[in-house]
Amino acid sequence: MSDEKPANQSIAQLQQEIEAARGRLAVTIDELTAKAAPRALLQREKDNAKARFAAATKTPEGDLRTERLAAVAGAVIVVLVVRCMLRRRGH
């Protein structure tokens, strides 16, 4: 089957099709503009960060991944201790 229009299509029908295409294009442009807005981009990045944090700290069942949280807490403590030791050494 071909997408060609009949040769006897009226000017009014063509104008209607053009107006309908313009309307669809306007909607598409509005959607793209909304998606590209700085606030929308920022909100998407926030949502992605929250989802990654939840995936890293919780199991699919919703339980906390205590081994990961303990590892992060341990690393933070080590960094703080080393920092304090370096400060004392410098004085």
PDB file of N, CA and C in Angstrom:
ATOM      1  N   MET A   1       0.837  -1.176   0.000  1.00  0.00           N
ATOM      2  CA  MET A   1       0.000   0.000   0.000  1.00  0.00           C
ATOM      3  C   MET A   1       0.880   1.237   0.000  1.00  0.00           C
ATOM      4  N   SER A   2       0.440   2.258  -0.622  1.00  0.00           N
ATOM      5  CA  SER A   2       1.211   3.481  -0.764  1.00  0.00           C
ATOM      6  C   SER A   2       0.607   4.568   0.111  1.00  0.00           C
ATOM      7  N   ASP A   3       1.465   5.492   0.578  1.00  0.00           N
ATOM      8  CA  ASP A   3       0.994   6.610   1.403  1.00  0.00           C
ATOM      9  C   ASP A   3       0.653   7.830   0.547  1.00  0.00           C
ATOM     10  N   GLU A   4       0.647   7.682  -0.759  1.00  0.00           N
ATOM     11  CA  GLU A   4       0.363   8.801  -1.642  1.00  0.00           C
ATOM     12  C   GLU A   4      -1.096   9.216  -1.521  1.00  0.00           C
ATOM     13  N   LYS A   5      -1.318  10.536  -1.646  1.00  0.00           N
ATOM     14  CA  LYS A   5      -2.673  11.082  -1.577  1.00  0.00           C
ATOM     15  C   LYS A   5      -3.276  11.055  -2.977  1.00  0.00           C
ATOM     16  N   PRO A   6      -4.587  10.949  -3.078  1.00  0.00           N
ATOM     17  CA  PRO A   6      -5.224  10.976  -4.396  1.00  0.00           C
ATOM     18  C   PRO A   6      -4.964  12.316  -5.082  1.00  0.00           C
ATOM     19  N   ALA A   7      -4.887  12.286  -6.398  1.00  0.00           N
ATOM     20  CA  ALA A   7      -4.597  13.493  -7.169  1.00  0.00           C
ATOM     21  C   ALA A   7      -5.717  14.515  -7.075  1.00  0.00           C
ATOM     22  N   ASN A   8      -6.918  14.059  -6.802  1.00  0.00           N
ATOM     23  CA  ASN A   8      -8.058  14.978  -6.772  1.00  0.00           C
ATOM     24  C   ASN A   8      -8.329  15.538  -5.368  1.00  0.00           C
ATOM     25  N   GLN A   9      -7.367  15.481  -4.508  1.00  0.00           N
ATOM     26  CA  GLN A   9      -7.540  15.998  -3.145  1.00  0.00           C
ATOM     27  C   GLN A   9      -7.703  17.515  -3.222  1.00  0.00           C
ATOM     28  N   SER A  10      -8.654  18.018  -2.524  1.00  0.00           N
ATOM     29  CA  SER A  10      -8.956  19.440  -2.620  1.00  0.00           C
ATOM     30  C   SER A  10      -7.960  20.285  -1.837  1.00  0.00           C
ATOM     31  N   ILE A  11      -7.928  21.536  -2.187  1.00  0.00           N
ATOM     32  CA  ILE A  11      -7.051  22.492  -1.493  1.00  0.00           C
ATOM     33  C   ILE A  11      -7.455  22.606  -0.034  1.00  0.00           C
ATOM     34  N   ALA A  12      -8.725  22.582   0.236  1.00  0.00           N
ATOM     35  CA  ALA A  12      -9.210  22.681   1.614  1.00  0.00           C
ATOM     36  C   ALA A  12      -8.718  21.498   2.451  1.00  0.00           C
ATOM     37  N   GLN A  13      -8.732  20.305   1.864  1.00  0.00           N
ATOM     38  CA  GLN A  13      -8.243  19.130   2.582  1.00  0.00           C
ATOM     39  C   GLN A  13      -6.747  19.253   2.858  1.00  0.00           C
ATOM     40  N   LEU A  14      -6.011  19.739   1.877  1.00  0.00           N
ATOM     41  CA  LEU A  14      -4.572  19.935   2.071  1.00  0.00           C
ATOM     42  C   LEU A  14      -4.297  20.953   3.177  1.00  0.00           C
ATOM     43  N   GLN A  15      -5.071  22.020   3.192  1.00  0.00           N
ATOM     44  CA  GLN A  15      -4.901  23.035   4.228  1.00  0.00           C
ATOM     45  C   GLN A  15      -5.206  22.457   5.609  1.00  0.00           C
ATOM     46  N   GLN A  16      -6.234  21.627   5.685  1.00  0.00           N
ATOM     47  CA  GLN A  16      -6.576  20.995   6.958  1.00  0.00           C
ATOM     48  C   GLN A  16      -5.446  20.088   7.426  1.00  0.00           C
ATOM     49  N   GLU A  17      -4.890  19.329   6.496  1.00  0.00           N
ATOM     50  CA  GLU A  17      -3.778  18.442   6.860  1.00  0.00           C
ATOM     51  C   GLU A  17      -2.554  19.236   7.319  1.00  0.00           C
ATOM     52  N   ILE A  18      -2.296  20.332   6.639  1.00  0.00           N
ATOM     53  CA  ILE A  18      -1.157  21.187   7.022  1.00  0.00           C
ATOM     54  C   ILE A  18      -1.389  21.763   8.415  1.00  0.00           C
ATOM     55  N   GLU A  19      -2.587  22.237   8.677  1.00  0.00           N
ATOM     56  CA  GLU A  19      -2.899  22.792  10.002  1.00  0.00           C
ATOM     57  C   GLU A  19      -2.787  21.719  11.089  1.00  0.00           C
ATOM     58  N   ALA A  20      -3.251  20.506  10.791  1.00  0.00           N
ATOM     59  CA  ALA A  20      -3.141  19.409  11.760  1.00  0.00           C
ATOM     60  C   ALA A  20      -1.679  19.077  12.019  1.00  0.00           C
ATOM     61  N   ALA A  21      -0.863  19.052  10.960  1.00  0.00           N
ATOM     62  CA  ALA A  21       0.572  18.778  11.116  1.00  0.00           C
ATOM     63  C   ALA A  21       1.240  19.884  11.926  1.00  0.00           C
ATOM     64  N   ARG A  22       0.856  21.130  11.682  1.00  0.00           N
ATOM     65  CA  ARG A  22       1.402  22.250  12.463  1.00  0.00           C
ATOM     66  C   ARG A  22       1.049  22.103  13.942  1.00  0.00           C
ATOM     67  N   GLY A  23      -0.178  21.700  14.204  1.00  0.00           N
ATOM     68  CA  GLY A  23      -0.604  21.516  15.596  1.00  0.00           C
ATOM     69  C   GLY A  23       0.202  20.427  16.285  1.00  0.00           C
ATOM     70  N   ARG A  24       0.408  19.306  15.580  1.00  0.00           N
ATOM     71  CA  ARG A  24       1.203  18.216  16.161  1.00  0.00           C
ATOM     72  C   ARG A  24       2.643  18.662  16.388  1.00  0.00           C
ATOM     73  N   LEU A  25       3.174  19.411  15.426  1.00  0.00           N
ATOM     74  CA  LEU A  25       4.541  19.905  15.554  1.00  0.00           C
ATOM     75  C   LEU A  25       4.663  20.875  16.724  1.00  0.00           C
ATOM     76  N   ALA A  26       3.677  21.734  16.908  1.00  0.00           N
ATOM     77  CA  ALA A  26       3.698  22.690  18.018  1.00  0.00           C
ATOM     78  C   ALA A  26       3.695  21.953  19.362  1.00  0.00           C
ATOM     79  N   VAL A  27       2.884  20.911  19.460  1.00  0.00           N
ATOM     80  CA  VAL A  27       2.837  20.117  20.696  1.00  0.00           C
ATOM     81  C   VAL A  27       4.186  19.459  20.953  1.00  0.00           C
ATOM     82  N   THR A  28       4.778  18.907  19.902  1.00  0.00           N
ATOM     83  CA  THR A  28       6.080  18.252  20.040  1.00  0.00           C
ATOM     84  C   THR A  28       7.146  19.251  20.487  1.00  0.00           C
ATOM     85  N   ILE A  29       7.133  20.434  19.896  1.00  0.00           N
ATOM     86  CA  ILE A  29       8.105  21.465  20.277  1.00  0.00           C
ATOM     87  C   ILE A  29       7.898  21.883  21.723  1.00  0.00           C
ATOM     88  N   ASP A  30       6.656  22.040  22.147  1.00  0.00           N
ATOM     89  CA  ASP A  30       6.374  22.402  23.540  1.00  0.00           C
ATOM     90  C   ASP A  30       6.880  21.322  24.495  1.00  0.00           C
ATOM     91  N   GLU A  31       6.684  20.049  24.129  1.00  0.00           N
ATOM     92  CA  GLU A  31       7.165  18.955  24.977  1.00  0.00           C
ATOM     93  C   GLU A  31       8.687  18.960  25.077  1.00  0.00           C
ATOM     94  N   LEU A  32       9.354  19.165  23.950  1.00  0.00           N
ATOM     95  CA  LEU A  32      10.817  19.208  23.955  1.00  0.00           C
ATOM     96  C   LEU A  32      11.330  20.401  24.750  1.00  0.00           C
ATOM     97  N   THR A  33      10.673  21.534  24.623  1.00  0.00           N
ATOM     98  CA  THR A  33      11.070  22.726  25.378  1.00  0.00           C
ATOM     99  C   THR A  33      10.922  22.476  26.872  1.00  0.00           C
ATOM    100  N   ALA A  34       9.833  21.834  27.270  1.00  0.00           N
ATOM    101  CA  ALA A  34       9.628  21.545  28.691  1.00  0.00           C
ATOM    102  C   ALA A  34      10.681  20.579  29.213  1.00  0.00           C
ATOM    103  N   LYS A  35      11.039  19.586  28.401  1.00  0.00           N
ATOM    104  CA  LYS A  35      12.040  18.606  28.830  1.00  0.00           C
ATOM    105  C   LYS A  35      13.426  19.226  28.933  1.00  0.00           C
ATOM    106  N   ALA A  36      13.703  20.240  28.124  1.00  0.00           N
ATOM    107  CA  ALA A  36      15.024  20.854  28.099  1.00  0.00           C
ATOM    108  C   ALA A  36      15.150  22.021  29.072  1.00  0.00           C
ATOM    109  N   ALA A  37      14.087  22.376  29.750  1.00  0.00           N
ATOM    110  CA  ALA A  37      14.128  23.489  30.696  1.00  0.00           C
ATOM    111  C   ALA A  37      15.078  23.153  31.847  1.00  0.00           C
ATOM    112  N   PRO A  38      15.839  24.128  32.316  1.00  0.00           N
ATOM    113  CA  PRO A  38      16.795  23.872  33.403  1.00  0.00           C
ATOM    114  C   PRO A  38      16.158  23.245  34.640  1.00  0.00           C
ATOM    115  N   ARG A  39      14.988  23.706  35.012  1.00  0.00           N
ATOM    116  CA  ARG A  39      14.319  23.131  36.196  1.00  0.00           C
ATOM    117  C   ARG A  39      13.973  21.664  35.977  1.00  0.00           C
ATOM    118  N   ALA A  40      13.515  21.339  34.774  1.00  0.00           N
ATOM    119  CA  ALA A  40      13.167  19.945  34.469  1.00  0.00           C
ATOM    120  C   ALA A  40      14.416  19.077  34.487  1.00  0.00           C
ATOM    121  N   LEU A  41      15.499  19.586  33.922  1.00  0.00           N
ATOM    122  CA  LEU A  41      16.760  18.835  33.926  1.00  0.00           C
ATOM    123  C   LEU A  41      17.243  18.611  35.356  1.00  0.00           C
ATOM    124  N   LEU A  42      17.178  19.657  36.169  1.00  0.00           N
ATOM    125  CA  LEU A  42      17.604  19.547  37.567  1.00  0.00           C
ATOM    126  C   LEU A  42      16.744  18.541  38.324  1.00  0.00           C
ATOM    127  N   GLN A  43      15.445  18.594  38.107  1.00  0.00           N
ATOM    128  CA  GLN A  43      14.547  17.660  38.799  1.00  0.00           C
ATOM    129  C   GLN A  43      14.829  16.225  38.383  1.00  0.00           C
ATOM    130  N   ARG A  44      15.081  15.997  37.091  1.00  0.00           N
ATOM    131  CA  ARG A  44      15.401  14.640  36.626  1.00  0.00           C
ATOM    132  C   ARG A  44      16.693  14.144  37.249  1.00  0.00           C
ATOM    133  N   GLU A  45      17.690  15.020  37.345  1.00  0.00           N
ATOM    134  CA  GLU A  45      18.958  14.619  37.958  1.00  0.00           C
ATOM    135  C   GLU A  45      18.780  14.318  39.444  1.00  0.00           C
ATOM    136  N   LYS A  46      17.961  15.102  40.133  1.00  0.00           N
ATOM    137  CA  LYS A  46      17.664  14.819  41.548  1.00  0.00           C
ATOM    138  C   LYS A  46      17.001  13.458  41.690  1.00  0.00           C
ATOM    139  N   ASP A  47      16.007  13.204  40.849  1.00  0.00           N
ATOM    140  CA  ASP A  47      15.298  11.928  40.904  1.00  0.00           C
ATOM    141  C   ASP A  47      16.238  10.763  40.607  1.00  0.00           C
ATOM    142  N   ASN A  48      17.121  10.939  39.618  1.00  0.00           N
ATOM    143  CA  ASN A  48      18.088   9.886  39.296  1.00  0.00           C
ATOM    144  C   ASN A  48      19.039   9.638  40.463  1.00  0.00           C
ATOM    145  N   ALA A  49      19.505  10.707  41.110  1.00  0.00           N
ATOM    146  CA  ALA A  49      20.416  10.561  42.247  1.00  0.00           C
ATOM    147  C   ALA A  49      19.719   9.835  43.401  1.00  0.00           C
ATOM    148  N   LYS A  50      18.480  10.203  43.660  1.00  0.00           N
ATOM    149  CA  LYS A  50      17.723   9.530  44.724  1.00  0.00           C
ATOM    150  C   LYS A  50      17.549   8.047  44.416  1.00  0.00           C
ATOM    151  N   ALA A  51      17.245   7.746  43.164  1.00  0.00           N
ATOM    152  CA  ALA A  51      17.051   6.343  42.778  1.00  0.00           C
ATOM    153  C   ALA A  51      18.360   5.560  42.901  1.00  0.00           C
ATOM    154  N   ARG A  52      19.481   6.161  42.486  1.00  0.00           N
ATOM    155  CA  ARG A  52      20.774   5.473  42.613  1.00  0.00           C
ATOM    156  C   ARG A  52      21.132   5.269  44.085  1.00  0.00           C
ATOM    157  N   PHE A  53      20.868   6.268  44.917  1.00  0.00           N
ATOM    158  CA  PHE A  53      21.162   6.142  46.344  1.00  0.00           C
ATOM    159  C   PHE A  53      20.309   5.032  46.957  1.00  0.00           C
ATOM    160  N   ALA A  54      19.032   5.009  46.613  1.00  0.00           N
ATOM    161  CA  ALA A  54      18.142   3.966  47.142  1.00  0.00           C
ATOM    162  C   ALA A  54      18.594   2.589  46.666  1.00  0.00           C
ATOM    163  N   ALA A  55      19.006   2.483  45.412  1.00  0.00           N
ATOM    164  CA  ALA A  55      19.459   1.188  44.891  1.00  0.00           C
ATOM    165  C   ALA A  55      20.745   0.735  45.575  1.00  0.00           C
ATOM    166  N   ALA A  56      21.595   1.688  45.935  1.00  0.00           N
ATOM    167  CA  ALA A  56      22.867   1.335  46.573  1.00  0.00           C
ATOM    168  C   ALA A  56      22.698   0.999  48.049  1.00  0.00           C
ATOM    169  N   THR A  57      21.672   1.542  48.685  1.00  0.00           N
ATOM    170  CA  THR A  57      21.533   1.351  50.129  1.00  0.00           C
ATOM    171  C   THR A  57      20.413   0.399  50.535  1.00  0.00           C
ATOM    172  N   LYS A  58      19.602  -0.024  49.578  1.00  0.00           N
ATOM    173  CA  LYS A  58      18.492  -0.925  49.913  1.00  0.00           C
ATOM    174  C   LYS A  58      18.452  -2.101  48.961  1.00  0.00           C
ATOM    175  N   THR A  59      18.000  -3.222  49.469  1.00  0.00           N
ATOM    176  CA  THR A  59      17.812  -4.412  48.638  1.00  0.00           C
ATOM    177  C   THR A  59      16.515  -4.249  47.847  1.00  0.00           C
ATOM    178  N   PRO A  60      16.293  -5.090  46.848  1.00  0.00           N
ATOM    179  CA  PRO A  60      15.019  -5.006  46.112  1.00  0.00           C
ATOM    180  C   PRO A  60      13.787  -5.201  47.010  1.00  0.00           C
ATOM    181  N   GLU A  61      13.986  -5.886  48.134  1.00  0.00           N
ATOM    182  CA  GLU A  61      12.867  -6.084  49.064  1.00  0.00           C
ATOM    183  C   GLU A  61      12.642  -4.879  49.961  1.00  0.00           C
ATOM    184  N   GLY A  62      13.560  -3.907  49.946  1.00  0.00           N
ATOM    185  CA  GLY A  62      13.406  -2.701  50.757  1.00  0.00           C
ATOM    186  C   GLY A  62      14.221  -2.700  52.034  1.00  0.00           C
ATOM    187  N   ASP A  63      14.976  -3.766  52.299  1.00  0.00           N
ATOM    188  CA  ASP A  63      15.799  -3.830  53.505  1.00  0.00           C
ATOM    189  C   ASP A  63      17.087  -3.040  53.291  1.00  0.00           C
ATOM    190  N   LEU A  64      17.608  -2.491  54.394  1.00  0.00           N
ATOM    191  CA  LEU A  64      18.866  -1.751  54.303  1.00  0.00           C
ATOM    192  C   LEU A  64      20.019  -2.697  54.022  1.00  0.00           C
ATOM    193  N   ARG A  65      20.950  -2.255  53.209  1.00  0.00           N
ATOM    194  CA  ARG A  65      22.171  -3.019  52.941  1.00  0.00           C
ATOM    195  C   ARG A  65      23.198  -2.576  53.972  1.00  0.00           C
ATOM    196  N   THR A  66      23.137  -3.203  55.137  1.00  0.00           N
ATOM    197  CA  THR A  66      23.969  -2.780  56.261  1.00  0.00           C
ATOM    198  C   THR A  66      25.450  -2.931  55.970  1.00  0.00           C
ATOM    199  N   GLU A  67      25.836  -3.929  55.174  1.00  0.00           N
ATOM    200  CA  GLU A  67      27.262  -4.116  54.879  1.00  0.00           C
ATOM    201  C   GLU A  67      27.802  -2.935  54.074  1.00  0.00           C
ATOM    202  N   ARG A  68      27.021  -2.415  53.161  1.00  0.00           N
ATOM    203  CA  ARG A  68      27.467  -1.249  52.381  1.00  0.00           C
ATOM    204  C   ARG A  68      27.499   0.005  53.244  1.00  0.00           C
ATOM    205  N   LEU A  69      26.463   0.181  54.060  1.00  0.00           N
ATOM    206  CA  LEU A  69      26.434   1.353  54.940  1.00  0.00           C
ATOM    207  C   LEU A  69      27.582   1.316  55.937  1.00  0.00           C
ATOM    208  N   ALA A  70      27.895   0.141  56.467  1.00  0.00           N
ATOM    209  CA  ALA A  70      29.005   0.008  57.407  1.00  0.00           C
ATOM    210  C   ALA A  70      30.336   0.312  56.713  1.00  0.00           C
ATOM    211  N   ALA A  71      30.496  -0.136  55.480  1.00  0.00           N
ATOM    212  CA  ALA A  71      31.727   0.135  54.738  1.00  0.00           C
ATOM    213  C   ALA A  71      31.900   1.634  54.493  1.00  0.00           C
ATOM    214  N   VAL A  72      30.831   2.307  54.134  1.00  0.00           N
ATOM    215  CA  VAL A  72      30.904   3.754  53.908  1.00  0.00           C
ATOM    216  C   VAL A  72      31.197   4.478  55.219  1.00  0.00           C
ATOM    217  N   ALA A  73      30.535   4.088  56.285  1.00  0.00           N
ATOM    218  CA  ALA A  73      30.778   4.718  57.586  1.00  0.00           C
ATOM    219  C   ALA A  73      32.225   4.487  58.020  1.00  0.00           C
ATOM    220  N   GLY A  74      32.732   3.296  57.810  1.00  0.00           N
ATOM    221  CA  GLY A  74      34.125   3.003  58.154  1.00  0.00           C
ATOM    222  C   GLY A  74      35.086   3.853  57.344  1.00  0.00           C
ATOM    223  N   ALA A  75      34.820   4.027  56.076  1.00  0.00           N
ATOM    224  CA  ALA A  75      35.690   4.852  55.230  1.00  0.00           C
ATOM    225  C   ALA A  75      35.667   6.301  55.678  1.00  0.00           C
ATOM    226  N   VAL A  76      34.498   6.800  56.042  1.00  0.00           N
ATOM    227  CA  VAL A  76      34.401   8.182  56.529  1.00  0.00           C
ATOM    228  C   VAL A  76      35.196   8.340  57.822  1.00  0.00           C
ATOM    229  N   ILE A  77      35.100   7.376  58.717  1.00  0.00           N
ATOM    230  CA  ILE A  77      35.838   7.446  59.983  1.00  0.00           C
ATOM    231  C   ILE A  77      37.334   7.431  59.730  1.00  0.00           C
ATOM    232  N   VAL A  78      37.791   6.578  58.830  1.00  0.00           N
ATOM    233  CA  VAL A  78      39.220   6.519  58.508  1.00  0.00           C
ATOM    234  C   VAL A  78      39.693   7.859  57.949  1.00  0.00           C
ATOM    235  N   VAL A  79      38.928   8.443  57.059  1.00  0.00           N
ATOM    236  CA  VAL A  79      39.305   9.740  56.487  1.00  0.00           C
ATOM    237  C   VAL A  79      39.368  10.802  57.575  1.00  0.00           C
ATOM    238  N   LEU A  80      38.401  10.823  58.475  1.00  0.00           N
ATOM    239  CA  LEU A  80      38.399  11.808  59.549  1.00  0.00           C
ATOM    240  C   LEU A  80      39.588  11.618  60.490  1.00  0.00           C
ATOM    241  N   VAL A  81      39.908  10.379  60.830  1.00  0.00           N
ATOM    242  CA  VAL A  81      41.045  10.105  61.710  1.00  0.00           C
ATOM    243  C   VAL A  81      42.340  10.539  61.045  1.00  0.00           C
ATOM    244  N   VAL A  82      42.533  10.212  59.786  1.00  0.00           N
ATOM    245  CA  VAL A  82      43.749  10.612  59.071  1.00  0.00           C
ATOM    246  C   VAL A  82      43.834  12.126  58.992  1.00  0.00           C
ATOM    247  N   ARG A  83      42.741  12.766  58.745  1.00  0.00           N
ATOM    248  CA  ARG A  83      42.731  14.235  58.679  1.00  0.00           C
ATOM    249  C   ARG A  83      43.121  14.848  60.022  1.00  0.00           C
ATOM    250  N   CYS A  84      42.568  14.316  61.104  1.00  0.00           N
ATOM    251  CA  CYS A  84      42.915  14.824  62.435  1.00  0.00           C
ATOM    252  C   CYS A  84      44.401  14.595  62.737  1.00  0.00           C
ATOM    253  N   MET A  85      44.912  13.440  62.354  1.00  0.00           N
ATOM    254  CA  MET A  85      46.324  13.141  62.598  1.00  0.00           C
ATOM    255  C   MET A  85      47.225  14.090  61.810  1.00  0.00           C
ATOM    256  N   LEU A  86      46.843  14.384  60.579  1.00  0.00           N
ATOM    257  CA  LEU A  86      47.637  15.309  59.768  1.00  0.00           C
ATOM    258  C   LEU A  86      47.595  16.727  60.325  1.00  0.00           C
ATOM    259  N   ARG A  87      46.472  17.138  60.866  1.00  0.00           N
ATOM    260  CA  ARG A  87      46.370  18.466  61.481  1.00  0.00           C
ATOM    261  C   ARG A  87      47.254  18.582  62.706  1.00  0.00           C
ATOM    262  N   ARG A  88      47.244  17.546  63.545  1.00  0.00           N
ATOM    263  CA  ARG A  88      48.075  17.565  64.754  1.00  0.00           C
ATOM    264  C   ARG A  88      49.540  17.554  64.398  1.00  0.00           C
ATOM    265  N   ARG A  89      49.877  16.818  63.381  1.00  0.00           N
ATOM    266  CA  ARG A  89      51.272  16.715  62.942  1.00  0.00           C
ATOM    267  C   ARG A  89      51.774  18.062  62.436  1.00  0.00           C
ATOM    268  N   GLY A  90      50.897  18.821  61.795  1.00  0.00           N
ATOM    269  CA  GLY A  90      51.264  20.122  61.234  1.00  0.00           C
ATOM    270  C   GLY A  90      51.460  21.195  62.282  1.00  0.00           C
ATOM    271  N   HIS A  91      50.912  21.056  63.446  1.00  0.00           N
ATOM    272  CA  HIS A  91      51.031  22.097  64.493  1.00  0.00           C
ATOM    273  C   HIS A  91      52.285  21.957  65.251  1.00  0.00           C
TER     274      HIS A  91
END
